[in-house]
C-alpha cells in the first residue's frame, strides 16, 4: 500500500506520510512524533482499508446488483438483473402456481 512520491515521502492509502530510517529501524512521522512501522501499520491499516473499500466502484456496482428477495403470499421469489426470470424459493408450494404468473 506504500507508493513513493519522493525521498522520504510516501502515500499510504489516502494518507501522505514522512518516513525516515534510523539505526536500521523504519519510523513514520505522526503528529509531533514518530511511530515504528509496526505501530503505524497496526493503527492505520484498518482505517485506510475501510476508506479504500468505500471508494471501490466495483463494490458499489455489485451492491446495486445484489439479489432482492420478495415474499409473495407463501412463496419466496428472488429477482436479480443478472438472471432472466424470477425463481421460486423453498417456501413455494410445489403444485401451486404464482398468482402473478399468467398462462
PDB file of N, CA and C in Angstrom:
ATOM      1  N   UNK A   1       0.805  -1.200   0.000  1.00  0.00           N
ATOM      2  CA  UNK A   1       0.000   0.000   0.000  1.00  0.00           C
ATOM      3  C   UNK A   1       0.853   1.272   0.000  1.00  0.00           C
ATOM      4  N   UNK A   2       2.146   1.144   0.097  1.00  0.00           N
ATOM      5  CA  UNK A   2       3.004   2.326   0.104  1.00  0.00           C
ATOM      6  C   UNK A   2       3.401   2.684  -1.322  1.00  0.00           C
ATOM      7  N   UNK A   3       3.188   3.945  -1.693  1.00  0.00           N
ATOM      8  CA  UNK A   3       3.606   4.445  -3.009  1.00  0.00           C
ATOM      9  C   UNK A   3       4.582   5.593  -2.776  1.00  0.00           C
ATOM     10  N   UNK A   4       5.773   5.492  -3.345  1.00  0.00           N
ATOM     11  CA  UNK A   4       6.779   6.532  -3.126  1.00  0.00           C
ATOM     12  C   UNK A   4       6.457   7.758  -3.969  1.00  0.00           C
ATOM     13  N   UNK A   5       6.454   8.922  -3.328  1.00  0.00           N
ATOM     14  CA  UNK A   5       6.263  10.186  -4.032  1.00  0.00           C
ATOM     15  C   UNK A   5       7.595  10.890  -4.241  1.00  0.00           C
ATOM     16  N   UNK A   6       8.404  10.909  -3.215  1.00  0.00           N
ATOM     17  CA  UNK A   6       9.747  11.482  -3.290  1.00  0.00           C
ATOM     18  C   UNK A   6      10.549  10.901  -2.136  1.00  0.00           C
ATOM     19  N   UNK A   7      11.795  11.319  -2.002  1.00  0.00           N
ATOM     20  CA  UNK A   7      12.645  10.775  -0.950  1.00  0.00           C
ATOM     21  C   UNK A   7      12.032  11.048   0.429  1.00  0.00           C
ATOM     22  N   UNK A   8      11.696   9.975   1.141  1.00  0.00           N
ATOM     23  CA  UNK A   8      11.151  10.096   2.481  1.00  0.00           C
ATOM     24  C   UNK A   8       9.663  10.405   2.547  1.00  0.00           C
ATOM     25  N   UNK A   9       9.020  10.567   1.399  1.00  0.00           N
ATOM     26  CA  UNK A   9       7.583  10.877   1.370  1.00  0.00           C
ATOM     27  C   UNK A   9       6.861   9.770   0.599  1.00  0.00           C
ATOM     28  N   UNK A  10       5.842   9.190   1.253  1.00  0.00           N
ATOM     29  CA  UNK A  10       5.093   8.083   0.668  1.00  0.00           C
ATOM     30  C   UNK A  10       3.600   8.329   0.817  1.00  0.00           C
ATOM     31  N   UNK A  11       2.845   7.692  -0.051  1.00  0.00           N
ATOM     32  CA  UNK A  11       1.386   7.686   0.051  1.00  0.00           C
ATOM     33  C   UNK A  11       1.000   6.333   0.610  1.00  0.00           C
ATOM     34  N   UNK A  12       0.250   6.334   1.703  1.00  0.00           N
ATOM     35  CA  UNK A  12      -0.243   5.104   2.321  1.00  0.00           C
ATOM     36  C   UNK A  12      -1.758   5.182   2.302  1.00  0.00           C
ATOM     37  N   UNK A  13      -2.374   4.530   1.335  1.00  0.00           N
ATOM     38  CA  UNK A  13      -3.825   4.654   1.162  1.00  0.00           C
ATOM     39  C   UNK A  13      -4.161   6.088   0.809  1.00  0.00           C
ATOM     40  N   UNK A  14      -4.882   6.773   1.673  1.00  0.00           N
ATOM     41  CA  UNK A  14      -5.245   8.175   1.422  1.00  0.00           C
ATOM     42  C   UNK A  14      -4.350   9.139   2.187  1.00  0.00           C
ATOM     43  N   UNK A  15      -3.389   8.623   2.963  1.00  0.00           N
ATOM     44  CA  UNK A  15      -2.512   9.456   3.791  1.00  0.00           C
ATOM     45  C   UNK A  15      -1.163   9.671   3.121  1.00  0.00           C
ATOM     46  N   UNK A  16      -0.653  10.885   3.224  1.00  0.00           N
ATOM     47  CA  UNK A  16       0.719  11.173   2.806  1.00  0.00           C
ATOM     48  C   UNK A  16       1.556  11.155   4.084  1.00  0.00           C
ATOM     49  N   UNK A  17       2.622  10.367   4.075  1.00  0.00           N
ATOM     50  CA  UNK A  17       3.411  10.199   5.291  1.00  0.00           C
ATOM     51  C   UNK A  17       4.886  10.478   5.031  1.00  0.00           C
ATOM     52  N   UNK A  18       5.583  10.860   6.103  1.00  0.00           N
ATOM     53  CA  UNK A  18       7.031  11.052   6.060  1.00  0.00           C
ATOM     54  C   UNK A  18       7.674   9.858   6.751  1.00  0.00           C
ATOM     55  N   UNK A  19       8.676   9.286   6.080  1.00  0.00           N
ATOM     56  CA  UNK A  19       9.338   8.086   6.580  1.00  0.00           C
ATOM     57  C   UNK A  19      10.828   8.375   6.736  1.00  0.00           C
ATOM     58  N   UNK A  20      11.401   7.895   7.838  1.00  0.00           N
ATOM     59  CA  UNK A  20      12.854   8.004   7.999  1.00  0.00           C
ATOM     60  C   UNK A  20      13.384   6.677   8.541  1.00  0.00           C
ATOM     61  N   UNK A  21      14.607   6.367   8.175  1.00  0.00           N
ATOM     62  CA  UNK A  21      15.269   5.160   8.649  1.00  0.00           C
ATOM     63  C   UNK A  21      16.377   5.614   9.597  1.00  0.00           C
ATOM     64  N   UNK A  22      16.328   5.078  10.815  1.00  0.00           N
ATOM     65  CA  UNK A  22      17.292   5.465  11.843  1.00  0.00           C
ATOM     66  C   UNK A  22      17.749   4.213  12.566  1.00  0.00           C
ATOM     67  N   UNK A  23      19.041   3.914  12.497  1.00  0.00           N
ATOM     68  CA  UNK A  23      19.609   2.723  13.143  1.00  0.00           C
ATOM     69  C   UNK A  23      18.884   1.456  12.701  1.00  0.00           C
ATOM     70  N   UNK A  24      18.680   1.297  11.408  1.00  0.00           N
ATOM     71  CA  UNK A  24      18.028   0.130  10.805  1.00  0.00           C
ATOM     72  C   UNK A  24      16.578  -0.044  11.235  1.00  0.00           C
ATOM     73  N   UNK A  25      15.937   1.015  11.710  1.00  0.00           N
ATOM     74  CA  UNK A  25      14.518   0.970  12.067  1.00  0.00           C
ATOM     75  C   UNK A  25      13.764   1.994  11.237  1.00  0.00           C
ATOM     76  N   UNK A  26      12.591   1.580  10.742  1.00  0.00           N
ATOM     77  CA  UNK A  26      11.750   2.477   9.938  1.00  0.00           C
ATOM     78  C   UNK A  26      10.790   3.182  10.879  1.00  0.00           C
ATOM     79  N   UNK A  27      10.818   4.514  10.853  1.00  0.00           N
ATOM     80  CA  UNK A  27       9.925   5.329  11.672  1.00  0.00           C
ATOM     81  C   UNK A  27       9.078   6.205  10.774  1.00  0.00           C
ATOM     82  N   UNK A  28       7.829   6.407  11.170  1.00  0.00           N
ATOM     83  CA  UNK A  28       6.890   7.192  10.372  1.00  0.00           C
ATOM     84  C   UNK A  28       6.410   8.358  11.215  1.00  0.00           C
ATOM     85  N   UNK A  29       6.478   9.564  10.630  1.00  0.00           N
ATOM     86  CA  UNK A  29       6.079  10.784  11.330  1.00  0.00           C
ATOM     87  C   UNK A  29       4.572  10.818  11.493  1.00  0.00           C
ATOM     88  N   UNK A  30       4.120  10.959  12.736  1.00  0.00           N
ATOM     89  CA  UNK A  30       2.693  11.053  13.048  1.00  0.00           C
ATOM     90  C   UNK A  30       2.553  12.170  14.065  1.00  0.00           C
ATOM     91  N   UNK A  31       1.815  13.211  13.709  1.00  0.00           N
ATOM     92  CA  UNK A  31       1.656  14.345  14.616  1.00  0.00           C
ATOM     93  C   UNK A  31       3.002  14.980  14.904  1.00  0.00           C
ATOM     94  N   UNK A  32       3.354  15.105  16.188  1.00  0.00           N
ATOM     95  CA  UNK A  32       4.620  15.715  16.565  1.00  0.00           C
ATOM     96  C   UNK A  32       5.706  14.715  16.863  1.00  0.00           C
ATOM     97  N   UNK A  33       5.464  13.425  16.621  1.00  0.00           N
ATOM     98  CA  UNK A  33       6.469  12.404  16.922  1.00  0.00           C
ATOM     99  C   UNK A  33       6.544  11.352  15.836  1.00  0.00           C
ATOM    100  N   UNK A  34       7.103  10.222  16.194  1.00  0.00           N
ATOM    101  CA  UNK A  34       7.276   9.124  15.241  1.00  0.00           C
ATOM    102  C   UNK A  34       6.736   7.830  15.824  1.00  0.00           C
ATOM    103  N   UNK A  35       6.224   6.971  14.954  1.00  0.00           N
ATOM    104  CA  UNK A  35       5.812   5.617  15.310  1.00  0.00           C
ATOM    105  C   UNK A  35       6.691   4.647  14.543  1.00  0.00           C
ATOM    106  N   UNK A  36       6.931   3.469  15.124  1.00  0.00           N
ATOM    107  CA  UNK A  36       7.627   2.426  14.364  1.00  0.00           C
ATOM    108  C   UNK A  36       6.692   1.969  13.251  1.00  0.00           C
ATOM    109  N   UNK A  37       7.256   1.328  12.257  1.00  0.00           N
ATOM    110  CA  UNK A  37       6.441   0.853  11.126  1.00  0.00           C
ATOM    111  C   UNK A  37       5.361  -0.112  11.620  1.00  0.00           C
ATOM    112  N   UNK A  38       5.678  -0.970  12.587  1.00  0.00           N
ATOM    113  CA  UNK A  38       4.692  -1.922  13.116  1.00  0.00           C
ATOM    114  C   UNK A  38       3.539  -1.211  13.820  1.00  0.00           C
ATOM    115  N   UNK A  39       3.876  -0.225  14.650  1.00  0.00           N
ATOM    116  CA  UNK A  39       2.833   0.531  15.349  1.00  0.00           C
ATOM    117  C   UNK A  39       1.950   1.292  14.366  1.00  0.00           C
ATOM    118  N   UNK A  40       2.603   1.895  13.365  1.00  0.00           N
ATOM    119  CA  UNK A  40       1.858   2.655  12.360  1.00  0.00           C
ATOM    120  C   UNK A  40       0.887   1.752  11.611  1.00  0.00           C
ATOM    121  N   UNK A  41       1.362   0.601  11.151  1.00  0.00           N
ATOM    122  CA  UNK A  41       0.511  -0.319  10.394  1.00  0.00           C
ATOM    123  C   UNK A  41      -0.648  -0.836  11.236  1.00  0.00           C
ATOM    124  N   UNK A  42      -0.370  -1.180  12.490  1.00  0.00           N
ATOM    125  CA  UNK A  42      -1.442  -1.656  13.376  1.00  0.00           C
ATOM    126  C   UNK A  42      -2.521  -0.596  13.564  1.00  0.00           C
ATOM    127  N   UNK A  43      -2.105   0.654  13.668  1.00  0.00           N
ATOM    128  CA  UNK A  43      -3.047   1.735  13.956  1.00  0.00           C
ATOM    129  C   UNK A  43      -3.801   2.218  12.721  1.00  0.00           C
ATOM    130  N   UNK A  44      -3.126   2.334  11.575  1.00  0.00           N
ATOM    131  CA  UNK A  44      -3.730   2.998  10.420  1.00  0.00           C
ATOM    132  C   UNK A  44      -4.228   2.075   9.316  1.00  0.00           C
ATOM    133  N   UNK A  45      -3.792   0.824   9.252  1.00  0.00           N
ATOM    134  CA  UNK A  45      -4.218  -0.076   8.173  1.00  0.00           C
ATOM    135  C   UNK A  45      -5.730  -0.307   8.149  1.00  0.00           C
ATOM    136  N   UNK A  46      -6.390  -0.631   9.275  1.00  0.00           N
ATOM    137  CA  UNK A  46      -7.844  -0.857   9.202  1.00  0.00           C
ATOM    138  C   UNK A  46      -8.620   0.355   8.675  1.00  0.00           C
ATOM    139  N   UNK A  47      -8.229   1.549   9.117  1.00  0.00           N
ATOM    140  CA  UNK A  47      -8.911   2.770   8.671  1.00  0.00           C
ATOM    141  C   UNK A  47      -8.718   2.994   7.179  1.00  0.00           C
ATOM    142  N   UNK A  48      -7.494   2.823   6.701  1.00  0.00           N
ATOM    143  CA  UNK A  48      -7.213   3.053   5.281  1.00  0.00           C
ATOM    144  C   UNK A  48      -7.881   2.000   4.405  1.00  0.00           C
ATOM    145  N   UNK A  49      -7.944   0.752   4.847  1.00  0.00           N
ATOM    146  CA  UNK A  49      -8.641  -0.277   4.073  1.00  0.00           C
ATOM    147  C   UNK A  49     -10.129   0.041   3.973  1.00  0.00           C
ATOM    148  N   UNK A  50     -10.715   0.515   5.055  1.00  0.00           N
ATOM    149  CA  UNK A  50     -12.130   0.882   5.045  1.00  0.00           C
ATOM    150  C   UNK A  50     -12.385   2.036   4.074  1.00  0.00           C
ATOM    151  N   UNK A  51     -11.503   3.028   4.065  1.00  0.00           N
ATOM    152  CA  UNK A  51     -11.648   4.162   3.139  1.00  0.00           C
ATOM    153  C   UNK A  51     -11.569   3.686   1.687  1.00  0.00           C
ATOM    154  N   UNK A  52     -10.621   2.783   1.404  1.00  0.00           N
ATOM    155  CA  UNK A  52     -10.473   2.283   0.039  1.00  0.00           C
ATOM    156  C   UNK A  52     -11.680   1.451  -0.386  1.00  0.00           C
ATOM    157  N   UNK A  53     -12.249   0.666   0.537  1.00  0.00           N
ATOM    158  CA  UNK A  53     -13.442  -0.130   0.214  1.00  0.00           C
ATOM    159  C   UNK A  53     -14.619   0.764  -0.131  1.00  0.00           C
ATOM    160  N   UNK A  54     -14.774   1.864   0.598  1.00  0.00           N
ATOM    161  CA  UNK A  54     -15.888   2.792   0.328  1.00  0.00           C
ATOM    162  C   UNK A  54     -15.757   3.437  -1.043  1.00  0.00           C
ATOM    163  N   UNK A  55     -14.514   3.601  -1.512  1.00  0.00           N
ATOM    164  CA  UNK A  55     -14.293   4.248  -2.806  1.00  0.00           C
ATOM    165  C   UNK A  55     -14.296   3.262  -3.974  1.00  0.00           C
ATOM    166  N   UNK A  56     -14.337   1.964  -3.696  1.00  0.00           N
ATOM    167  CA  UNK A  56     -14.242   0.935  -4.731  1.00  0.00           C
ATOM    168  C   UNK A  56     -15.497   0.930  -5.604  1.00  0.00           C
ATOM    169  N   UNK A  57     -15.387   1.337  -6.885  1.00  0.00           N
ATOM    170  CA  UNK A  57     -16.570   1.393  -7.747  1.00  0.00           C
ATOM    171  C   UNK A  57     -17.176   0.018  -8.025  1.00  0.00           C
ATOM    172  N   UNK A  58     -16.367  -1.034  -8.076  1.00  0.00           N
ATOM    173  CA  UNK A  58     -16.902  -2.375  -8.333  1.00  0.00           C
ATOM    174  C   UNK A  58     -17.763  -2.851  -7.170  1.00  0.00           C
ATOM    175  N   UNK A  59     -17.367  -2.522  -5.950  1.00  0.00           N
ATOM    176  CA  UNK A  59     -18.154  -2.921  -4.792  1.00  0.00           C
ATOM    177  C   UNK A  59     -19.508  -2.221  -4.807  1.00  0.00           C
ATOM    178  N   UNK A  60     -19.520  -0.927  -5.118  1.00  0.00           N
ATOM    179  CA  UNK A  60     -20.775  -0.178  -5.182  1.00  0.00           C
ATOM    180  C   UNK A  60     -21.682  -0.766  -6.262  1.00  0.00           C
ATOM    181  N   UNK A  61     -21.109  -1.099  -7.417  1.00  0.00           N
ATOM    182  CA  UNK A  61     -21.879  -1.664  -8.524  1.00  0.00           C
ATOM    183  C   UNK A  61     -22.469  -3.009  -8.142  1.00  0.00           C
ATOM    184  N   UNK A  62     -21.657  -3.865  -7.496  1.00  0.00           N
ATOM    185  CA  UNK A  62     -22.149  -5.196  -7.140  1.00  0.00           C
ATOM    186  C   UNK A  62     -23.221  -5.119  -6.061  1.00  0.00           C
ATOM    187  N   UNK A  63     -23.149  -4.127  -5.185  1.00  0.00           N
ATOM    188  CA  UNK A  63     -24.192  -3.971  -4.173  1.00  0.00           C
ATOM    189  C   UNK A  63     -25.523  -3.613  -4.819  1.00  0.00           C
ATOM    190  N   UNK A  64     -25.487  -2.828  -5.889  1.00  0.00           N
ATOM    191  CA  UNK A  64     -26.717  -2.449  -6.583  1.00  0.00           C
ATOM    192  C   UNK A  64     -27.328  -3.635  -7.320  1.00  0.00           C
ATOM    193  N   UNK A  65     -26.479  -4.577  -7.719  1.00  0.00           N
ATOM    194  CA  UNK A  65     -26.962  -5.741  -8.457  1.00  0.00           C
ATOM    195  C   UNK A  65     -27.273  -6.926  -7.538  1.00  0.00           C
ATOM    196  N   UNK A  66     -27.216  -6.707  -6.253  1.00  0.00           N
ATOM    197  CA  UNK A  66     -27.453  -7.788  -5.290  1.00  0.00           C
ATOM    198  C   UNK A  66     -28.858  -8.359  -5.480  1.00  0.00           C
ATOM    199  N   UNK A  67     -28.990  -9.613  -5.141  1.00  0.00           N
ATOM    200  CA  UNK A  67     -30.270 -10.297  -5.272  1.00  0.00           C
ATOM    201  C   UNK A  67     -31.271  -9.691  -4.301  1.00  0.00           C
ATOM    202  N   UNK A  68     -32.438  -9.370  -4.812  1.00  0.00           N
ATOM    203  CA  UNK A  68     -33.511  -8.834  -3.984  1.00  0.00           C
ATOM    204  C   UNK A  68     -34.538  -9.937  -3.782  1.00  0.00           C
ATOM    205  N   UNK A  69     -34.978 -10.099  -2.548  1.00  0.00           N
ATOM    206  CA  UNK A  69     -35.964 -11.130  -2.253  1.00  0.00           C
ATOM    207  C   UNK A  69     -37.282 -10.472  -1.879  1.00  0.00           C
ATOM    208  N   UNK A  70     -38.346 -11.009  -2.433  1.00  0.00           N
ATOM    209  CA  UNK A  70     -39.684 -10.527  -2.122  1.00  0.00           C
ATOM    210  C   UNK A  70     -40.524 -11.725  -1.693  1.00  0.00           C
ATOM    211  N   UNK A  71     -41.313 -11.561  -0.695  1.00  0.00           N
ATOM    212  CA  UNK A  71     -42.232 -12.616  -0.283  1.00  0.00           C
ATOM    213  C   UNK A  71     -43.599 -12.277  -0.846  1.00  0.00           C
ATOM    214  N   UNK A  72     -44.109 -13.179  -1.692  1.00  0.00           N
ATOM    215  CA  UNK A  72     -45.415 -13.001  -2.313  1.00  0.00           C
ATOM    216  C   UNK A  72     -46.285 -14.154  -1.837  1.00  0.00           C
ATOM    217  N   UNK A  73     -47.276 -13.851  -0.993  1.00  0.00           N
ATOM    218  CA  UNK A  73     -48.114 -14.916  -0.440  1.00  0.00           C
ATOM    219  C   UNK A  73     -47.258 -15.846   0.386  1.00  0.00           C
ATOM    220  N   UNK A  74     -47.240 -17.139   0.022  1.00  0.00           N
ATOM    221  CA  UNK A  74     -46.452 -18.123   0.753  1.00  0.00           C
ATOM    222  C   UNK A  74     -45.172 -18.492   0.019  1.00  0.00           C
ATOM    223  N   UNK A  75     -44.870 -17.808  -1.060  1.00  0.00           N
ATOM    224  CA  UNK A  75     -43.672 -18.181  -1.794  1.00  0.00           C
ATOM    225  C   UNK A  75     -42.651 -17.063  -1.774  1.00  0.00           C
ATOM    226  N   UNK A  76     -41.420 -17.456  -1.899  1.00  0.00           N
ATOM    227  CA  UNK A  76     -40.317 -16.509  -1.926  1.00  0.00           C
ATOM    228  C   UNK A  76     -39.838 -16.419  -3.358  1.00  0.00           C
ATOM    229  N   UNK A  77     -39.708 -15.207  -3.843  1.00  0.00           N
ATOM    230  CA  UNK A  77     -39.182 -15.012  -5.193  1.00  0.00           C
ATOM    231  C   UNK A  77     -37.886 -14.249  -5.098  1.00  0.00           C
ATOM    232  N   UNK A  78     -36.935 -14.655  -5.893  1.00  0.00           N
ATOM    233  CA  UNK A  78     -35.676 -13.937  -5.969  1.00  0.00           C
ATOM    234  C   UNK A  78     -35.622 -13.267  -7.322  1.00  0.00           C
ATOM    235  N   UNK A  79     -35.311 -11.986  -7.325  1.00  0.00           N
ATOM    236  CA  UNK A  79     -35.195 -11.252  -8.579  1.00  0.00           C
ATOM    237  C   UNK A  79     -33.815 -10.636  -8.644  1.00  0.00           C
ATOM    238  N   UNK A  80     -33.192 -10.739  -9.767  1.00  0.00           N
ATOM    239  CA  UNK A  80     -31.880 -10.158  -9.957  1.00  0.00           C
ATOM    240  C   UNK A  80     -31.758  -9.694 -11.396  1.00  0.00           C
ATOM    241  N   UNK A  81     -31.136  -8.546 -11.632  1.00  0.00           N
ATOM    242  CA  UNK A  81     -30.925  -8.100 -13.011  1.00  0.00           C
ATOM    243  C   UNK A  81     -29.978  -9.021 -13.772  1.00  0.00           C
ATOM    244  N   UNK A  82     -29.272  -9.909 -13.058  1.00  0.00           N
ATOM    245  CA  UNK A  82     -28.360 -10.827 -13.719  1.00  0.00           C
ATOM    246  C   UNK A  82     -29.039 -12.095 -14.205  1.00  0.00           C
ATOM    247  N   UNK A  83     -30.244 -12.370 -13.714  1.00  0.00           N
ATOM    248  CA  UNK A  83     -30.989 -13.567 -14.121  1.00  0.00           C
ATOM    249  C   UNK A  83     -32.101 -13.186 -15.071  1.00  0.00           C
ATOM    250  N   UNK A  84     -32.472 -14.134 -15.907  1.00  0.00           N
ATOM    251  CA  UNK A  84     -33.507 -13.876 -16.911  1.00  0.00           C
ATOM    252  C   UNK A  84     -34.898 -13.822 -16.296  1.00  0.00           C
ATOM    253  N   UNK A  85     -35.182 -14.705 -15.334  1.00  0.00           N
ATOM    254  CA  UNK A  85     -36.521 -14.738 -14.763  1.00  0.00           C
ATOM    255  C   UNK A  85     -36.465 -15.045 -13.280  1.00  0.00           C
ATOM    256  N   UNK A  86     -37.507 -14.679 -12.533  1.00  0.00           N
ATOM    257  CA  UNK A  86     -37.529 -14.982 -11.097  1.00  0.00           C
ATOM    258  C   UNK A  86     -37.612 -16.479 -10.860  1.00  0.00           C
ATOM    259  N   UNK A  87     -37.097 -16.913  -9.709  1.00  0.00           N
ATOM    260  CA  UNK A  87     -37.147 -18.327  -9.358  1.00  0.00           C
ATOM    261  C   UNK A  87     -37.901 -18.485  -8.055  1.00  0.00           C
ATOM    262  N   UNK A  88     -38.443 -19.674  -7.847  1.00  0.00           N
ATOM    263  CA  UNK A  88     -39.157 -19.941  -6.608  1.00  0.00           C
ATOM    264  C   UNK A  88     -38.185 -20.395  -5.548  1.00  0.00           C
ATOM    265  N   UNK A  89     -38.445 -19.962  -4.355  1.00  0.00           N
ATOM    266  CA  UNK A  89     -37.597 -20.334  -3.230  1.00  0.00           C
ATOM    267  C   UNK A  89     -38.187 -21.507  -2.480  1.00  0.00           C
ATOM    268  N   UNK A  90     -37.641 -21.837  -1.328  1.00  0.00           N
ATOM    269  CA  UNK A  90     -38.053 -23.026  -0.582  1.00  0.00           C
ATOM    270  C   UNK A  90     -39.445 -22.923   0.029  1.00  0.00           C
ATOM    271  N   UNK A  91     -40.032 -21.735   0.157  1.00  0.00           N
ATOM    272  CA  UNK A  91     -41.341 -21.602   0.761  1.00  0.00           C
ATOM    273  C   UNK A  91     -42.486 -21.803  -0.242  1.00  0.00           C
ATOM    274  N   UNK A  92     -42.151 -21.961  -1.498  1.00  0.00           N
ATOM    275  CA  UNK A  92     -43.191 -22.103  -2.524  1.00  0.00           C
ATOM    276  C   UNK A  92     -43.841 -23.481  -2.439  1.00  0.00           C
ATOM    277  N   UNK A  93     -45.135 -23.529  -2.683  1.00  0.00           N
ATOM    278  CA  UNK A  93     -45.855 -24.804  -2.730  1.00  0.00           C
ATOM    279  C   UNK A  93     -45.561 -25.464  -4.061  1.00  0.00           C
ATOM    280  N   UNK A  94     -45.230 -26.758  -4.088  1.00  0.00           N
ATOM    281  CA  UNK A  94     -44.833 -27.402  -5.341  1.00  0.00           C
ATOM    282  C   UNK A  94     -45.927 -27.442  -6.398  1.00  0.00           C
ATOM    283  N   UNK A  95     -47.195 -27.611  -6.027  1.00  0.00           N
ATOM    284  CA  UNK A  95     -48.247 -27.717  -7.025  1.00  0.00           C
ATOM    285  C   UNK A  95     -48.971 -26.401  -7.287  1.00  0.00           C
ATOM    286  N   UNK A  96     -48.647 -25.397  -6.563  1.00  0.00           N
ATOM    287  CA  UNK A  96     -49.364 -24.126  -6.660  1.00  0.00           C
ATOM    288  C   UNK A  96     -48.630 -23.161  -7.586  1.00  0.00           C
ATOM    289  N   UNK A  97     -49.361 -22.519  -8.481  1.00  0.00           N
ATOM    290  CA  UNK A  97     -48.769 -21.522  -9.354  1.00  0.00           C
ATOM    291  C   UNK A  97     -48.860 -20.158  -8.704  1.00  0.00           C
ATOM    292  N   UNK A  98     -47.947 -19.322  -9.059  1.00  0.00           N
ATOM    293  CA  UNK A  98     -47.936 -17.973  -8.538  1.00  0.00           C
ATOM    294  C   UNK A  98     -49.159 -17.200  -9.031  1.00  0.00           C
ATOM    295  N   UNK A  99     -49.788 -16.363  -8.195  1.00  0.00           N
ATOM    296  CA  UNK A  99     -50.928 -15.584  -8.668  1.00  0.00           C
ATOM    297  C   UNK A  99     -50.498 -14.541  -9.698  1.00  0.00           C
ATOM    298  N   UNK A 100     -49.223 -14.215  -9.763  1.00  0.00           N
ATOM    299  CA  UNK A 100     -48.740 -13.230 -10.728  1.00  0.00           C
ATOM    300  C   UNK A 100     -48.377 -13.857 -12.079  1.00  0.00           C
ATOM    301  N   UNK A 101     -48.292 -15.173 -12.131  1.00  0.00           N
ATOM    302  CA  UNK A 101     -47.887 -15.853 -13.355  1.00  0.00           C
ATOM    303  C   UNK A 101     -49.103 -16.102 -14.233  1.00  0.00           C
ATOM    304  N   UNK A 102     -49.000 -15.708 -15.484  1.00  0.00           N
ATOM    305  CA  UNK A 102     -50.108 -15.919 -16.440  1.00  0.00           C
ATOM    306  C   UNK A 102     -49.758 -17.037 -17.402  1.00  0.00           C
ATOM    307  N   UNK A 103     -50.772 -17.795 -17.783  1.00  0.00           N
ATOM    308  CA  UNK A 103     -50.565 -18.914 -18.724  1.00  0.00           C
ATOM    309  C   UNK A 103     -50.709 -18.470 -20.142  1.00  0.00           C
TER     310      UNK A 103
END
